[in-house]
Amino acid sequence: MARKISYNKLWKLLIDKNMTRKDLRAISNVSPASIAKLGRGDNITTAVLIKICDALECELADIMELVPCEAAEVE
């Protein structure tokens, strides 16, 4: 079964912390392009993920997870 990374946990964490994506960019010093990639579920470097985790004081598992790909995406 093919899987992909989902960043839904990150968006939920931001809601819990009453933060916007703009706030995340400011505290983590991550580029707007990287935030946009996260929003689309695109690949992102581990360096960016670590910056986000450091800024939010969390672990990688708190902001991302592996989920099954939909059949249409695999073909």
N, C-alpha and C. Protein backbone atom coordinates (compact mmCIF):
# COMPACT_ATOMS: atom_id res chain seq x y z
N MET A 1 0.85 -1.17 0.00
CA MET A 1 0.00 0.00 0.00
C MET A 1 0.90 1.25 0.00
N ALA A 2 0.61 2.14 -0.92
CA ALA A 2 1.37 3.40 -0.99
C ALA A 2 0.88 4.36 0.09
N ARG A 3 1.84 5.11 0.63
CA ARG A 3 1.49 6.09 1.67
C ARG A 3 2.13 7.43 1.34
N LYS A 4 1.60 8.47 1.95
CA LYS A 4 2.16 9.81 1.79
C LYS A 4 2.14 10.49 3.15
N ILE A 5 2.83 11.61 3.23
CA ILE A 5 2.87 12.36 4.49
C ILE A 5 1.74 13.38 4.51
N SER A 6 1.05 13.44 5.62
CA SER A 6 -0.01 14.42 5.85
C SER A 6 0.45 15.38 6.94
N TYR A 7 0.20 16.66 6.72
CA TYR A 7 0.56 17.68 7.72
C TYR A 7 -0.68 18.19 8.46
N ASN A 8 -1.76 17.43 8.44
CA ASN A 8 -2.99 17.85 9.13
C ASN A 8 -2.75 18.06 10.62
N LYS A 9 -1.87 17.28 11.20
CA LYS A 9 -1.56 17.45 12.63
C LYS A 9 -0.96 18.83 12.88
N LEU A 10 -0.15 19.32 11.96
CA LEU A 10 0.43 20.66 12.10
C LEU A 10 -0.67 21.72 12.11
N TRP A 11 -1.61 21.63 11.18
CA TRP A 11 -2.68 22.64 11.11
C TRP A 11 -3.57 22.58 12.36
N LYS A 12 -3.82 21.39 12.86
CA LYS A 12 -4.60 21.26 14.10
C LYS A 12 -3.84 21.84 15.29
N LEU A 13 -2.52 21.62 15.32
CA LEU A 13 -1.70 22.17 16.40
C LEU A 13 -1.72 23.70 16.37
N LEU A 14 -1.67 24.27 15.18
CA LEU A 14 -1.74 25.73 15.06
C LEU A 14 -3.07 26.25 15.59
N ILE A 15 -4.15 25.56 15.27
CA ILE A 15 -5.48 25.95 15.77
C ILE A 15 -5.49 25.89 17.30
N ASP A 16 -4.96 24.80 17.85
CA ASP A 16 -4.92 24.64 19.31
C ASP A 16 -4.12 25.76 19.97
N LYS A 17 -3.08 26.23 19.28
CA LYS A 17 -2.23 27.29 19.83
C LYS A 17 -2.72 28.68 19.43
N ASN A 18 -3.87 28.72 18.74
CA ASN A 18 -4.46 29.98 18.29
C ASN A 18 -3.48 30.77 17.42
N MET A 19 -2.84 30.07 16.49
CA MET A 19 -1.85 30.66 15.60
C MET A 19 -2.28 30.52 14.14
N THR A 20 -1.80 31.45 13.32
CA THR A 20 -2.03 31.38 11.88
C THR A 20 -0.77 30.88 11.19
N ARG A 21 -0.89 30.62 9.91
CA ARG A 21 0.28 30.22 9.14
C ARG A 21 1.30 31.36 9.11
N LYS A 22 0.80 32.57 9.08
CA LYS A 22 1.69 33.74 9.10
C LYS A 22 2.46 33.79 10.42
N ASP A 23 1.79 33.49 11.52
CA ASP A 23 2.47 33.42 12.83
C ASP A 23 3.56 32.35 12.80
N LEU A 24 3.24 31.20 12.21
CA LEU A 24 4.21 30.11 12.13
C LEU A 24 5.43 30.55 11.34
N ARG A 25 5.21 31.23 10.22
CA ARG A 25 6.34 31.72 9.41
C ARG A 25 7.21 32.65 10.23
N ALA A 26 6.60 33.52 11.00
CA ALA A 26 7.35 34.50 11.78
C ALA A 26 8.20 33.86 12.88
N ILE A 27 7.63 32.91 13.61
CA ILE A 27 8.39 32.34 14.73
C ILE A 27 9.39 31.28 14.31
N SER A 28 9.17 30.66 13.14
CA SER A 28 10.05 29.59 12.70
C SER A 28 11.06 30.04 11.65
N ASN A 29 10.85 31.22 11.11
CA ASN A 29 11.73 31.74 10.06
C ASN A 29 11.75 30.82 8.84
N VAL A 30 10.56 30.32 8.49
CA VAL A 30 10.39 29.46 7.32
C VAL A 30 9.78 30.31 6.21
N SER A 31 10.19 30.07 4.99
CA SER A 31 9.72 30.89 3.87
C SER A 31 8.24 30.65 3.57
N PRO A 32 7.59 31.67 2.98
CA PRO A 32 6.19 31.47 2.56
C PRO A 32 6.05 30.32 1.57
N ALA A 33 7.04 30.11 0.73
CA ALA A 33 6.98 29.00 -0.24
C ALA A 33 6.95 27.65 0.48
N SER A 34 7.72 27.52 1.55
CA SER A 34 7.72 26.27 2.31
C SER A 34 6.38 26.04 2.99
N ILE A 35 5.79 27.10 3.54
CA ILE A 35 4.46 26.97 4.16
C ILE A 35 3.43 26.56 3.11
N ALA A 36 3.54 27.13 1.91
CA ALA A 36 2.62 26.77 0.83
C ALA A 36 2.79 25.30 0.44
N LYS A 37 4.04 24.82 0.39
CA LYS A 37 4.28 23.40 0.09
C LYS A 37 3.64 22.51 1.15
N LEU A 38 3.76 22.90 2.40
CA LEU A 38 3.13 22.13 3.48
C LEU A 38 1.62 22.09 3.28
N GLY A 39 1.05 23.22 2.91
CA GLY A 39 -0.39 23.30 2.70
C GLY A 39 -0.88 22.39 1.58
N ARG A 40 -0.02 22.20 0.58
CA ARG A 40 -0.37 21.32 -0.55
C ARG A 40 0.01 19.87 -0.28
N GLY A 41 0.72 19.62 0.82
CA GLY A 41 1.17 18.27 1.12
C GLY A 41 2.36 17.85 0.29
N ASP A 42 3.09 18.82 -0.26
CA ASP A 42 4.28 18.53 -1.06
C ASP A 42 5.45 18.14 -0.16
N ASN A 43 6.50 17.63 -0.80
CA ASN A 43 7.72 17.29 -0.06
C ASN A 43 8.39 18.55 0.47
N ILE A 44 8.96 18.43 1.65
CA ILE A 44 9.63 19.55 2.30
C ILE A 44 10.88 18.99 2.96
N THR A 45 11.91 19.80 3.10
CA THR A 45 13.15 19.30 3.68
C THR A 45 12.99 19.07 5.18
N THR A 46 13.82 18.17 5.69
CA THR A 46 13.79 17.92 7.13
C THR A 46 14.27 19.15 7.89
N ALA A 47 15.14 19.96 7.29
CA ALA A 47 15.61 21.19 7.96
C ALA A 47 14.44 22.11 8.26
N VAL A 48 13.51 22.23 7.34
CA VAL A 48 12.33 23.07 7.55
C VAL A 48 11.45 22.48 8.64
N LEU A 49 11.27 21.16 8.60
CA LEU A 49 10.44 20.50 9.61
C LEU A 49 11.04 20.69 11.01
N ILE A 50 12.35 20.61 11.10
CA ILE A 50 13.03 20.81 12.40
C ILE A 50 12.85 22.24 12.89
N LYS A 51 12.94 23.22 11.99
CA LYS A 51 12.71 24.62 12.37
C LYS A 51 11.31 24.79 12.96
N ILE A 52 10.34 24.16 12.31
CA ILE A 52 8.95 24.26 12.78
C ILE A 52 8.81 23.60 14.15
N CYS A 53 9.39 22.42 14.30
CA CYS A 53 9.32 21.72 15.59
C CYS A 53 9.99 22.52 16.70
N ASP A 54 11.14 23.11 16.40
CA ASP A 54 11.83 23.93 17.39
C ASP A 54 10.98 25.13 17.79
N ALA A 55 10.36 25.77 16.80
CA ALA A 55 9.53 26.96 17.08
C ALA A 55 8.29 26.60 17.90
N LEU A 56 7.71 25.46 17.61
CA LEU A 56 6.48 25.05 18.30
C LEU A 56 6.75 24.20 19.53
N GLU A 57 8.04 23.90 19.77
CA GLU A 57 8.44 23.06 20.90
C GLU A 57 7.69 21.73 20.88
N CYS A 58 7.84 21.03 19.74
CA CYS A 58 7.16 19.74 19.59
C CYS A 58 8.08 18.78 18.84
N GLU A 59 7.59 17.58 18.61
CA GLU A 59 8.33 16.56 17.89
C GLU A 59 7.74 16.39 16.48
N LEU A 60 8.49 15.75 15.60
CA LEU A 60 8.00 15.52 14.23
C LEU A 60 6.65 14.81 14.21
N ALA A 61 6.47 13.84 15.07
CA ALA A 61 5.22 13.08 15.11
C ALA A 61 4.03 13.96 15.51
N ASP A 62 4.30 15.13 16.10
CA ASP A 62 3.23 16.04 16.49
C ASP A 62 2.72 16.87 15.31
N ILE A 63 3.48 16.91 14.20
CA ILE A 63 3.08 17.77 13.08
C ILE A 63 2.84 17.01 11.78
N MET A 64 3.17 15.73 11.74
CA MET A 64 2.99 14.98 10.51
C MET A 64 2.70 13.51 10.80
N GLU A 65 2.13 12.83 9.79
CA GLU A 65 1.86 11.40 9.91
C GLU A 65 1.79 10.79 8.52
N LEU A 66 2.00 9.49 8.45
CA LEU A 66 1.84 8.75 7.20
C LEU A 66 0.40 8.31 7.05
N VAL A 67 -0.16 8.57 5.86
CA VAL A 67 -1.53 8.18 5.57
C VAL A 67 -1.56 7.44 4.24
N PRO A 68 -2.53 6.57 4.03
CA PRO A 68 -2.62 5.87 2.75
C PRO A 68 -2.92 6.84 1.60
N CYS A 69 -2.30 6.58 0.46
CA CYS A 69 -2.61 7.35 -0.75
C CYS A 69 -3.95 6.90 -1.29
N GLU A 70 -4.65 7.80 -1.92
CA GLU A 70 -5.88 7.42 -2.58
C GLU A 70 -5.51 6.71 -3.88
N ALA A 71 -6.33 5.80 -4.33
CA ALA A 71 -6.03 5.01 -5.52
C ALA A 71 -5.76 5.88 -6.73
N ALA A 72 -6.49 6.97 -6.89
CA ALA A 72 -6.32 7.86 -8.05
C ALA A 72 -4.93 8.50 -8.05
N GLU A 73 -4.35 8.75 -6.88
CA GLU A 73 -3.05 9.38 -6.80
C GLU A 73 -1.93 8.42 -7.14
N VAL A 74 -2.16 7.12 -6.93
CA VAL A 74 -1.12 6.12 -7.13
C VAL A 74 -0.95 5.83 -8.61
N GLU A 75 -2.03 5.85 -9.36
CA GLU A 75 -1.99 5.47 -10.78
C GLU A 75 -1.31 6.48 -11.63
